[in-house]
Amino acid sequence: MYEVATRDIPERSLLCVKRNVDEQGAWAFGKEFIAILRERPLPKIEGREGAFFCIYWGQVSADSDGPVEWCRPVPETQAHALAKGYPELTLRTEPAHREAFVGLPAGPGGISAEDFQLAMESLQAWAQEQGIEDERLIIRPSDLGLRITHLATGPVTGTSMPEGYCDVAVPFA
């Protein structure tokens, strides 16, 4: 099992694209999002606050098509002006929230299926432990969606995902 930690995420402005995709289309959808940002780079927000992430609003499998939403935080003061340059993306504000997360190393192919499964099991075990101790701590992934945040440690090349660090997170109340 992986160690689970928690963090506070402030309210933030996001440029996003949301689509129903099955497991075959999910990877291509992520590469498409990265290509959009590579063609027209956004102002960089340092660290986790500026990292791009995807939200799984539903199960993605051979039999289920999500939806999946790719998001990139943008400076609040520039959000509306930036959104005009990305007509294919939607500007929205995500509310402040707490999330439980598991950090994982990721290669150019993303997180392995085994690591993802173990991360989910770790988060589920943590949630059960917290629910027993404090009924106010209820994991509600459907409210803000299960998410994977990508922090690159290497350059983005071609159409591959950057190598680096990812985490799997579940917002909770």
Protein backbone atom coordinates (compact mmCIF):
# COMPACT_ATOMS: atom_id res chain seq x y z
CA MET A 1 0.00 0.00 0.00
CA TYR A 2 1.09 3.56 -0.67
CA GLU A 3 1.23 6.32 1.91
CA VAL A 4 -1.74 8.69 1.66
CA ALA A 5 -1.33 12.39 2.42
CA THR A 6 -3.75 15.31 2.30
CA ARG A 7 -3.48 18.86 1.00
CA ASP A 8 -5.59 21.98 0.63
CA ILE A 9 -6.24 23.17 -2.92
CA PRO A 10 -7.21 26.85 -3.24
CA GLU A 11 -9.93 28.11 -5.54
CA ARG A 12 -8.41 28.38 -9.00
CA SER A 13 -9.17 29.32 -12.60
CA LEU A 14 -8.82 26.48 -15.08
CA LEU A 15 -8.76 26.15 -18.84
CA CYS A 16 -10.29 22.76 -19.60
CA VAL A 17 -11.56 20.41 -22.25
CA LYS A 18 -13.97 17.63 -21.36
CA ARG A 19 -14.87 14.66 -23.51
CA ASN A 20 -16.34 11.19 -23.30
CA VAL A 21 -13.57 8.73 -24.15
CA ASP A 22 -13.06 5.02 -23.62
CA GLU A 23 -9.76 3.53 -22.46
CA GLN A 24 -8.41 3.49 -26.03
CA GLY A 25 -9.19 7.19 -26.55
CA ALA A 26 -8.08 8.46 -23.13
CA TRP A 27 -4.36 8.48 -23.93
CA ALA A 28 -4.87 10.18 -27.32
CA PHE A 29 -7.09 12.79 -25.64
CA GLY A 30 -4.30 13.64 -23.16
CA LYS A 31 -1.75 13.99 -25.96
CA GLU A 32 -4.18 16.25 -27.84
CA PHE A 33 -4.49 18.52 -24.78
CA ILE A 34 -0.70 18.71 -24.41
CA ALA A 35 -0.36 19.55 -28.11
CA ILE A 36 -2.78 22.49 -27.71
CA LEU A 37 -0.69 23.87 -24.82
CA ARG A 38 2.56 23.32 -26.69
CA GLU A 39 1.31 25.25 -29.74
CA ARG A 40 0.15 28.20 -27.62
CA PRO A 41 1.94 28.14 -24.25
CA LEU A 42 0.22 29.60 -21.21
CA PRO A 43 1.94 31.69 -18.52
CA LYS A 44 3.71 29.32 -16.15
CA ILE A 45 2.46 28.94 -12.60
CA GLU A 46 5.19 27.28 -10.58
CA GLY A 47 4.84 23.98 -8.77
CA ARG A 48 1.75 21.93 -8.14
CA GLU A 49 -0.51 24.98 -8.38
CA GLY A 50 0.31 25.25 -12.09
CA ALA A 51 0.50 21.57 -13.00
CA PHE A 52 -1.89 20.20 -15.57
CA PHE A 53 -4.22 17.42 -14.47
CA CYS A 54 -7.02 15.22 -15.68
CA ILE A 55 -10.28 14.51 -13.89
CA TYR A 56 -12.08 11.23 -14.31
CA TRP A 57 -15.78 12.08 -13.88
CA GLY A 58 -16.73 8.46 -14.47
CA GLN A 59 -15.16 5.10 -15.11
CA VAL A 60 -13.06 4.81 -18.26
CA SER A 61 -12.86 1.28 -19.63
CA ALA A 62 -13.65 -0.74 -22.72
CA ASP A 63 -17.32 -0.53 -21.70
CA SER A 64 -17.50 2.96 -20.19
CA ASP A 65 -16.52 6.35 -21.60
CA GLY A 66 -15.90 8.62 -18.62
CA PRO A 67 -16.11 11.54 -19.23
CA VAL A 68 -12.53 12.78 -18.77
CA GLU A 69 -11.55 16.45 -18.38
CA TRP A 70 -8.02 17.81 -18.90
CA CYS A 71 -7.29 21.03 -17.01
CA ARG A 72 -4.53 23.61 -16.73
CA PRO A 73 -4.59 26.23 -13.96
CA VAL A 74 -4.12 29.81 -15.17
CA PRO A 75 -3.53 33.06 -13.27
CA GLU A 76 -6.91 34.35 -12.09
CA THR A 77 -6.10 37.93 -13.12
CA GLN A 78 -5.40 36.81 -16.72
CA ALA A 79 -7.95 33.98 -17.01
CA HIS A 80 -10.57 35.70 -19.17
CA ALA A 81 -8.01 37.20 -21.55
CA LEU A 82 -6.20 33.86 -21.88
CA ALA A 83 -9.45 31.99 -22.52
CA LYS A 84 -10.06 34.12 -25.63
CA GLY A 85 -6.89 32.64 -27.17
CA TYR A 86 -8.12 29.07 -26.60
CA PRO A 87 -11.60 28.80 -28.12
CA GLU A 88 -11.43 24.99 -27.92
CA LEU A 89 -11.01 25.16 -24.12
CA THR A 90 -13.52 26.15 -21.45
CA LEU A 91 -12.70 28.53 -18.62
CA ARG A 92 -14.12 27.54 -15.26
CA THR A 93 -13.42 28.12 -11.58
CA GLU A 94 -12.78 25.15 -9.35
CA PRO A 95 -13.77 25.67 -5.70
CA ALA A 96 -11.28 25.36 -2.87
CA HIS A 97 -11.18 21.86 -1.44
CA ARG A 98 -9.13 19.25 0.42
CA GLU A 99 -7.90 16.14 -1.27
CA ALA A 100 -6.26 12.89 -0.28
CA PHE A 101 -3.46 11.82 -2.63
CA VAL A 102 -0.83 9.22 -3.39
CA GLY A 103 2.38 10.27 -5.18
CA LEU A 104 3.78 8.06 -7.94
CA PRO A 105 6.70 8.23 -10.38
CA ALA A 106 5.58 8.27 -14.01
CA GLY A 107 7.39 7.61 -17.24
CA PRO A 108 6.47 8.87 -20.71
CA GLY A 109 3.63 6.33 -20.77
CA GLY A 110 2.09 7.68 -17.57
CA ILE A 111 1.29 5.63 -14.48
CA SER A 112 1.28 1.85 -14.80
CA ALA A 113 -2.05 0.08 -14.36
CA GLU A 114 -0.64 -1.78 -11.36
CA ASP A 115 0.53 1.43 -9.65
CA PHE A 116 -2.82 3.10 -10.34
CA GLN A 117 -4.73 0.13 -8.89
CA LEU A 118 -2.56 0.10 -5.76
CA ALA A 119 -2.97 3.88 -5.39
CA MET A 120 -6.76 3.50 -5.58
CA GLU A 121 -6.70 0.70 -3.01
CA SER A 122 -4.56 2.85 -0.72
CA LEU A 123 -6.96 5.80 -1.04
CA GLN A 124 -9.96 3.57 -0.41
CA ALA A 125 -8.37 2.05 2.71
CA TRP A 126 -7.48 5.55 3.96
CA ALA A 127 -11.05 6.75 3.37
CA GLN A 128 -12.49 3.83 5.30
CA GLU A 129 -10.12 4.51 8.19
CA GLN A 130 -11.05 8.20 8.24
CA GLY A 131 -14.78 7.50 7.99
CA ILE A 132 -14.60 5.30 11.05
CA GLU A 133 -12.77 7.95 13.07
CA ASP A 134 -14.66 11.02 11.86
CA GLU A 135 -17.93 10.80 9.92
CA ARG A 136 -17.41 14.32 8.51
CA LEU A 137 -14.49 13.05 6.40
CA ILE A 138 -16.37 11.44 3.57
CA ILE A 139 -14.69 10.76 0.24
CA ARG A 140 -16.88 12.05 -2.53
CA PRO A 141 -15.04 11.55 -5.82
CA SER A 142 -18.13 12.33 -7.89
CA ASP A 143 -18.34 15.90 -6.52
CA LEU A 144 -15.00 17.10 -7.92
CA GLY A 145 -13.79 13.95 -9.65
CA LEU A 146 -10.88 11.58 -9.21
CA ARG A 147 -7.81 13.33 -10.59
CA ILE A 148 -4.29 12.67 -11.74
CA THR A 149 -1.89 15.60 -11.51
CA HIS A 150 1.22 15.62 -13.71
CA LEU A 151 4.43 17.34 -12.59
CA ALA A 152 7.03 17.09 -15.32
CA THR A 153 10.68 16.63 -14.46
CA GLY A 154 11.75 16.38 -18.08
CA PRO A 155 10.86 18.18 -21.30
CA VAL A 156 7.76 17.43 -23.32
CA THR A 157 8.93 15.94 -26.60
CA GLY A 158 6.93 14.93 -29.64
CA THR A 159 3.48 13.90 -28.56
CA SER A 160 4.51 11.98 -25.44
CA MET A 161 3.57 12.83 -21.90
CA PRO A 162 6.46 14.29 -19.90
CA GLU A 163 8.40 12.02 -17.59
CA GLY A 164 8.12 12.96 -13.97
CA TYR A 165 5.91 12.70 -10.95
CA CYS A 166 2.16 12.10 -10.88
CA ASP A 167 -0.27 11.80 -8.10
CA VAL A 168 -3.68 10.25 -7.87
CA ALA A 169 -6.03 12.34 -5.75
CA VAL A 170 -9.60 12.24 -4.48
CA PRO A 171 -11.22 15.44 -3.20
CA PHE A 172 -13.07 14.99 0.07
CA ALA A 173 -15.37 16.88 2.39
